[in-house]
N, C-alpha and C. Protein backbone atom coordinates (compact mmCIF):
# COMPACT_ATOMS: atom_id res chain seq x y z
N MET A 1 -62.49 100.03 108.62
CA MET A 1 -62.65 100.12 110.07
C MET A 1 -63.68 101.20 110.38
N ASN A 2 -64.52 100.97 111.36
CA ASN A 2 -65.58 101.90 111.69
C ASN A 2 -65.36 102.67 112.98
N ALA A 3 -64.21 102.54 113.60
CA ALA A 3 -63.93 103.25 114.84
C ALA A 3 -63.70 104.73 114.56
N GLN A 4 -64.00 105.54 115.55
CA GLN A 4 -63.73 106.97 115.41
C GLN A 4 -62.22 107.19 115.46
N TYR A 5 -61.74 108.06 114.59
CA TYR A 5 -60.30 108.33 114.55
C TYR A 5 -59.79 108.83 115.90
N SER A 6 -60.59 109.60 116.60
CA SER A 6 -60.16 110.16 117.88
C SER A 6 -59.94 109.09 118.94
N ARG A 7 -60.50 107.92 118.73
CA ARG A 7 -60.37 106.83 119.71
C ARG A 7 -59.36 105.77 119.28
N MET A 8 -58.76 105.95 118.12
CA MET A 8 -57.83 104.96 117.59
C MET A 8 -56.41 105.22 118.08
N THR A 9 -55.66 104.15 118.21
CA THR A 9 -54.24 104.28 118.57
C THR A 9 -53.48 104.76 117.33
N GLU A 10 -52.25 105.20 117.57
CA GLU A 10 -51.42 105.64 116.45
C GLU A 10 -51.22 104.51 115.45
N GLU A 11 -50.99 103.31 115.95
CA GLU A 11 -50.80 102.15 115.09
C GLU A 11 -52.05 101.87 114.25
N ALA A 12 -53.22 101.94 114.88
CA ALA A 12 -54.48 101.70 114.16
C ALA A 12 -54.72 102.78 113.12
N LEU A 13 -54.37 104.02 113.45
CA LEU A 13 -54.52 105.11 112.48
C LEU A 13 -53.62 104.88 111.26
N ARG A 14 -52.39 104.49 111.51
CA ARG A 14 -51.46 104.23 110.40
C ARG A 14 -51.95 103.08 109.51
N GLU A 15 -52.52 102.06 110.12
CA GLU A 15 -53.07 100.94 109.36
C GLU A 15 -54.28 101.40 108.54
N GLU A 16 -55.12 102.20 109.14
CA GLU A 16 -56.30 102.75 108.45
C GLU A 16 -55.87 103.58 107.25
N ILE A 17 -54.86 104.42 107.42
CA ILE A 17 -54.35 105.25 106.33
C ILE A 17 -53.83 104.37 105.20
N LYS A 18 -53.12 103.32 105.56
CA LYS A 18 -52.58 102.39 104.56
C LYS A 18 -53.72 101.75 103.76
N GLU A 19 -54.76 101.31 104.46
CA GLU A 19 -55.91 100.69 103.80
C GLU A 19 -56.65 101.70 102.91
N LEU A 20 -56.78 102.92 103.39
CA LEU A 20 -57.45 103.95 102.61
C LEU A 20 -56.67 104.31 101.35
N ARG A 21 -55.35 104.30 101.45
CA ARG A 21 -54.52 104.59 100.26
C ARG A 21 -54.71 103.51 99.20
N VAL A 22 -54.78 102.26 99.63
CA VAL A 22 -55.01 101.16 98.69
C VAL A 22 -56.39 101.33 98.04
N ALA A 23 -57.40 101.63 98.86
CA ALA A 23 -58.76 101.81 98.33
C ALA A 23 -58.81 103.00 97.36
N ALA A 24 -58.08 104.07 97.68
CA ALA A 24 -58.05 105.25 96.81
C ALA A 24 -57.39 104.91 95.48
N GLN A 25 -56.30 104.15 95.52
CA GLN A 25 -55.62 103.75 94.28
C GLN A 25 -56.52 102.89 93.41
N LYS A 26 -57.26 101.97 94.03
CA LYS A 26 -58.19 101.12 93.28
C LYS A 26 -59.30 101.96 92.64
N ALA A 27 -59.83 102.90 93.41
CA ALA A 27 -60.90 103.77 92.88
C ALA A 27 -60.37 104.62 91.73
N GLU A 28 -59.17 105.13 91.88
CA GLU A 28 -58.58 105.94 90.81
C GLU A 28 -58.36 105.10 89.55
N ALA A 29 -57.86 103.89 89.73
CA ALA A 29 -57.62 103.00 88.59
C ALA A 29 -58.91 102.66 87.85
N LYS A 30 -60.01 102.58 88.58
CA LYS A 30 -61.31 102.28 87.97
C LYS A 30 -62.00 103.53 87.44
N GLY A 31 -61.37 104.71 87.64
CA GLY A 31 -61.97 105.95 87.17
C GLY A 31 -63.11 106.45 88.04
N MET A 32 -63.17 105.97 89.27
CA MET A 32 -64.23 106.36 90.20
C MET A 32 -63.75 107.60 90.98
N ILE A 33 -63.86 108.74 90.35
CA ILE A 33 -63.31 109.98 90.87
C ILE A 33 -63.92 110.37 92.22
N ASN A 34 -65.24 110.24 92.35
CA ASN A 34 -65.89 110.62 93.62
C ASN A 34 -65.44 109.74 94.77
N GLU A 35 -65.36 108.43 94.51
CA GLU A 35 -64.91 107.51 95.56
C GLU A 35 -63.46 107.79 95.94
N TYR A 36 -62.65 108.09 94.94
CA TYR A 36 -61.25 108.45 95.19
C TYR A 36 -61.18 109.68 96.10
N ALA A 37 -61.99 110.70 95.81
CA ALA A 37 -61.98 111.93 96.62
C ALA A 37 -62.40 111.66 98.06
N VAL A 38 -63.37 110.77 98.25
CA VAL A 38 -63.82 110.42 99.61
C VAL A 38 -62.67 109.77 100.38
N HIS A 39 -61.97 108.84 99.75
CA HIS A 39 -60.85 108.18 100.42
C HIS A 39 -59.74 109.18 100.75
N GLU A 40 -59.46 110.10 99.84
CA GLU A 40 -58.43 111.11 100.08
C GLU A 40 -58.79 111.99 101.28
N ARG A 41 -60.05 112.36 101.40
CA ARG A 41 -60.49 113.18 102.54
C ARG A 41 -60.37 112.40 103.85
N LYS A 42 -60.72 111.13 103.80
CA LYS A 42 -60.59 110.29 105.01
C LYS A 42 -59.12 110.17 105.42
N ILE A 43 -58.24 110.06 104.44
CA ILE A 43 -56.81 110.00 104.74
C ILE A 43 -56.37 111.27 105.44
N LEU A 44 -56.80 112.43 104.93
CA LEU A 44 -56.44 113.71 105.56
C LEU A 44 -56.94 113.78 107.00
N MET A 45 -58.16 113.28 107.23
CA MET A 45 -58.71 113.30 108.59
C MET A 45 -57.91 112.39 109.51
N ALA A 46 -57.60 111.19 109.06
CA ALA A 46 -56.84 110.24 109.88
C ALA A 46 -55.45 110.82 110.17
N GLU A 47 -54.83 111.43 109.16
CA GLU A 47 -53.50 112.02 109.36
C GLU A 47 -53.55 113.15 110.39
N ALA A 48 -54.65 113.88 110.44
CA ALA A 48 -54.78 114.98 111.40
C ALA A 48 -54.68 114.46 112.83
N TYR A 49 -55.19 113.26 113.07
CA TYR A 49 -55.15 112.69 114.42
C TYR A 49 -53.77 112.15 114.80
N LEU A 50 -52.87 112.11 113.84
CA LEU A 50 -51.48 111.73 114.14
C LEU A 50 -50.63 112.94 114.51
N LEU A 51 -51.20 114.14 114.34
CA LEU A 51 -50.48 115.38 114.63
C LEU A 51 -50.91 115.94 115.98
N ASP A 52 -50.09 116.81 116.54
CA ASP A 52 -50.39 117.44 117.83
C ASP A 52 -50.95 118.84 117.60
N PRO A 53 -52.23 119.06 117.93
CA PRO A 53 -52.82 120.38 117.74
C PRO A 53 -52.07 121.50 118.48
N ALA A 54 -51.35 121.15 119.53
CA ALA A 54 -50.59 122.16 120.28
C ALA A 54 -49.45 122.75 119.46
N ASP A 55 -49.08 122.09 118.36
CA ASP A 55 -48.03 122.60 117.49
C ASP A 55 -48.52 123.73 116.58
N TYR A 56 -49.82 124.00 116.59
CA TYR A 56 -50.42 125.02 115.74
C TYR A 56 -50.96 126.13 116.62
N GLU A 57 -50.75 127.39 116.21
CA GLU A 57 -51.11 128.48 117.11
C GLU A 57 -51.99 129.54 116.44
N ALA A 58 -52.89 130.07 117.25
CA ALA A 58 -53.78 131.14 116.79
C ALA A 58 -52.96 132.35 116.36
N GLY A 59 -53.37 132.95 115.27
CA GLY A 59 -52.69 134.12 114.75
C GLY A 59 -51.58 133.80 113.77
N ALA A 60 -51.11 132.56 113.77
CA ALA A 60 -50.04 132.18 112.85
C ALA A 60 -50.62 131.94 111.46
N VAL A 61 -49.79 132.18 110.46
CA VAL A 61 -50.18 131.95 109.07
C VAL A 61 -49.35 130.77 108.55
N TYR A 62 -50.04 129.83 107.90
CA TYR A 62 -49.42 128.62 107.37
C TYR A 62 -49.68 128.53 105.87
N SER A 63 -48.76 127.90 105.18
CA SER A 63 -49.02 127.57 103.78
C SER A 63 -49.94 126.34 103.77
N MET A 64 -50.55 126.09 102.63
CA MET A 64 -51.38 124.90 102.47
C MET A 64 -50.55 123.86 101.74
N LYS A 65 -50.58 122.61 102.20
CA LYS A 65 -49.74 121.55 101.61
C LYS A 65 -50.03 121.35 100.13
N ASP A 66 -51.31 121.35 99.75
CA ASP A 66 -51.64 121.06 98.35
C ASP A 66 -51.36 122.22 97.41
N ASP A 67 -51.25 123.43 97.95
CA ASP A 67 -50.94 124.61 97.14
C ASP A 67 -50.19 125.61 98.01
N PRO A 68 -48.85 125.53 98.03
CA PRO A 68 -48.05 126.40 98.90
C PRO A 68 -48.26 127.90 98.66
N ALA A 69 -48.85 128.27 97.52
CA ALA A 69 -49.15 129.68 97.27
C ALA A 69 -50.35 130.14 98.09
N GLU A 70 -51.18 129.20 98.54
CA GLU A 70 -52.32 129.54 99.38
C GLU A 70 -51.88 129.61 100.83
N THR A 71 -52.53 130.47 101.60
CA THR A 71 -52.21 130.60 103.02
C THR A 71 -53.47 130.38 103.86
N PHE A 72 -53.23 130.09 105.13
CA PHE A 72 -54.33 129.92 106.08
C PHE A 72 -53.91 130.52 107.40
N GLU A 73 -54.66 131.52 107.86
CA GLU A 73 -54.38 132.15 109.16
C GLU A 73 -55.33 131.57 110.19
N ILE A 74 -54.75 130.96 111.23
CA ILE A 74 -55.57 130.33 112.27
C ILE A 74 -56.14 131.38 113.21
N ASN A 75 -57.45 131.33 113.37
CA ASN A 75 -58.14 132.17 114.33
C ASN A 75 -58.19 131.47 115.69
N TYR A 76 -58.56 130.17 115.67
CA TYR A 76 -58.56 129.37 116.88
C TYR A 76 -58.53 127.89 116.51
N MET A 77 -58.19 127.07 117.48
CA MET A 77 -58.12 125.62 117.29
C MET A 77 -59.30 124.96 118.01
N ASN A 78 -59.80 123.89 117.41
CA ASN A 78 -60.83 123.08 118.05
C ASN A 78 -60.50 121.63 117.72
N GLY A 79 -59.82 120.96 118.63
CA GLY A 79 -59.36 119.60 118.38
C GLY A 79 -58.32 119.59 117.28
N VAL A 80 -58.53 118.75 116.26
CA VAL A 80 -57.57 118.68 115.16
C VAL A 80 -57.98 119.60 114.00
N PHE A 81 -58.91 120.50 114.27
CA PHE A 81 -59.34 121.46 113.25
C PHE A 81 -58.83 122.85 113.57
N ALA A 82 -58.29 123.49 112.55
CA ALA A 82 -57.90 124.89 112.65
C ALA A 82 -59.01 125.70 112.02
N TRP A 83 -59.52 126.67 112.77
CA TRP A 83 -60.54 127.57 112.24
C TRP A 83 -59.86 128.88 111.90
N GLY A 84 -60.14 129.39 110.71
CA GLY A 84 -59.50 130.63 110.31
C GLY A 84 -59.87 131.04 108.91
N TYR A 85 -58.94 131.75 108.27
CA TYR A 85 -59.23 132.38 106.99
C TYR A 85 -58.18 132.01 105.95
N ARG A 86 -58.66 131.53 104.81
CA ARG A 86 -57.79 131.17 103.69
C ARG A 86 -57.49 132.43 102.88
N ASN A 87 -56.21 132.63 102.57
CA ASN A 87 -55.77 133.74 101.73
C ASN A 87 -56.30 135.09 102.22
N SER A 88 -56.32 135.30 103.52
CA SER A 88 -56.79 136.55 104.13
C SER A 88 -58.23 136.88 103.75
N GLY A 89 -59.03 135.86 103.48
CA GLY A 89 -60.43 136.06 103.11
C GLY A 89 -61.27 136.46 104.30
N LYS A 90 -62.56 136.60 104.06
CA LYS A 90 -63.49 137.02 105.10
C LYS A 90 -64.38 135.88 105.59
N LYS A 91 -64.28 134.72 104.93
CA LYS A 91 -65.13 133.58 105.30
C LYS A 91 -64.38 132.65 106.25
N LEU A 92 -64.91 132.53 107.47
CA LEU A 92 -64.32 131.64 108.47
C LEU A 92 -64.57 130.20 108.05
N GLU A 93 -63.53 129.37 108.06
CA GLU A 93 -63.68 127.98 107.70
C GLU A 93 -62.79 127.12 108.58
N ALA A 94 -63.08 125.83 108.60
CA ALA A 94 -62.30 124.87 109.38
C ALA A 94 -61.59 123.92 108.43
N VAL A 95 -60.33 123.64 108.75
CA VAL A 95 -59.56 122.66 107.97
C VAL A 95 -58.86 121.74 108.95
N PRO A 96 -58.71 120.45 108.59
CA PRO A 96 -57.92 119.57 109.45
C PRO A 96 -56.46 120.02 109.41
N ILE A 97 -55.77 119.92 110.52
CA ILE A 97 -54.40 120.43 110.59
C ILE A 97 -53.46 119.69 109.64
N SER A 98 -53.87 118.53 109.17
CA SER A 98 -53.03 117.78 108.24
C SER A 98 -52.88 118.45 106.88
N VAL A 99 -53.73 119.43 106.56
CA VAL A 99 -53.61 120.13 105.27
C VAL A 99 -52.71 121.35 105.37
N LEU A 100 -52.28 121.69 106.60
CA LEU A 100 -51.43 122.86 106.78
C LEU A 100 -49.97 122.50 106.56
N GLY A 101 -49.28 123.39 105.88
CA GLY A 101 -47.86 123.19 105.60
C GLY A 101 -46.99 123.96 106.58
N ASN A 102 -46.01 124.64 106.05
CA ASN A 102 -45.05 125.38 106.88
C ASN A 102 -45.65 126.64 107.46
N LYS A 103 -45.19 126.98 108.66
CA LYS A 103 -45.59 128.23 109.30
C LYS A 103 -44.87 129.37 108.59
N LEU A 104 -45.64 130.37 108.16
CA LEU A 104 -45.08 131.51 107.44
C LEU A 104 -44.84 132.71 108.34
N SER A 105 -45.68 132.83 109.39
CA SER A 105 -45.50 133.93 110.34
C SER A 105 -45.97 133.48 111.72
N GLN A 106 -45.41 134.12 112.74
CA GLN A 106 -45.72 133.79 114.13
C GLN A 106 -47.14 134.22 114.50
N GLY A 107 -47.70 133.47 115.44
CA GLY A 107 -49.01 133.82 115.96
C GLY A 107 -48.88 134.54 117.28
N GLU A 108 -50.03 134.71 117.92
CA GLU A 108 -50.07 135.41 119.21
C GLU A 108 -49.52 134.52 120.31
N GLY A 109 -49.61 133.20 120.08
CA GLY A 109 -49.32 132.21 120.91
C GLY A 109 -48.62 131.77 121.97
């Protein structure tokens, strides 16, 4: 599907995720690592649009889903992207909210 995720309904997003998972499994089975990674990133982006950005707050620290030992402190939100710092680093980066896990500490919010 070529529609923008921001314009898709929840049902269309869920269908897109399902299709992307199938495509990722096929790529993985064929050993196409790069293609697999692209599908995985698209899944994360589509999943972000199923979440409510209002549930995430500036100043709060969250674990990362793929590595709970890693943390991400949100500086500010911009749509479905959280801008902030990984592991208390100094480099500002953006991550889709779908990669954030449990809230570890309260924000200013």
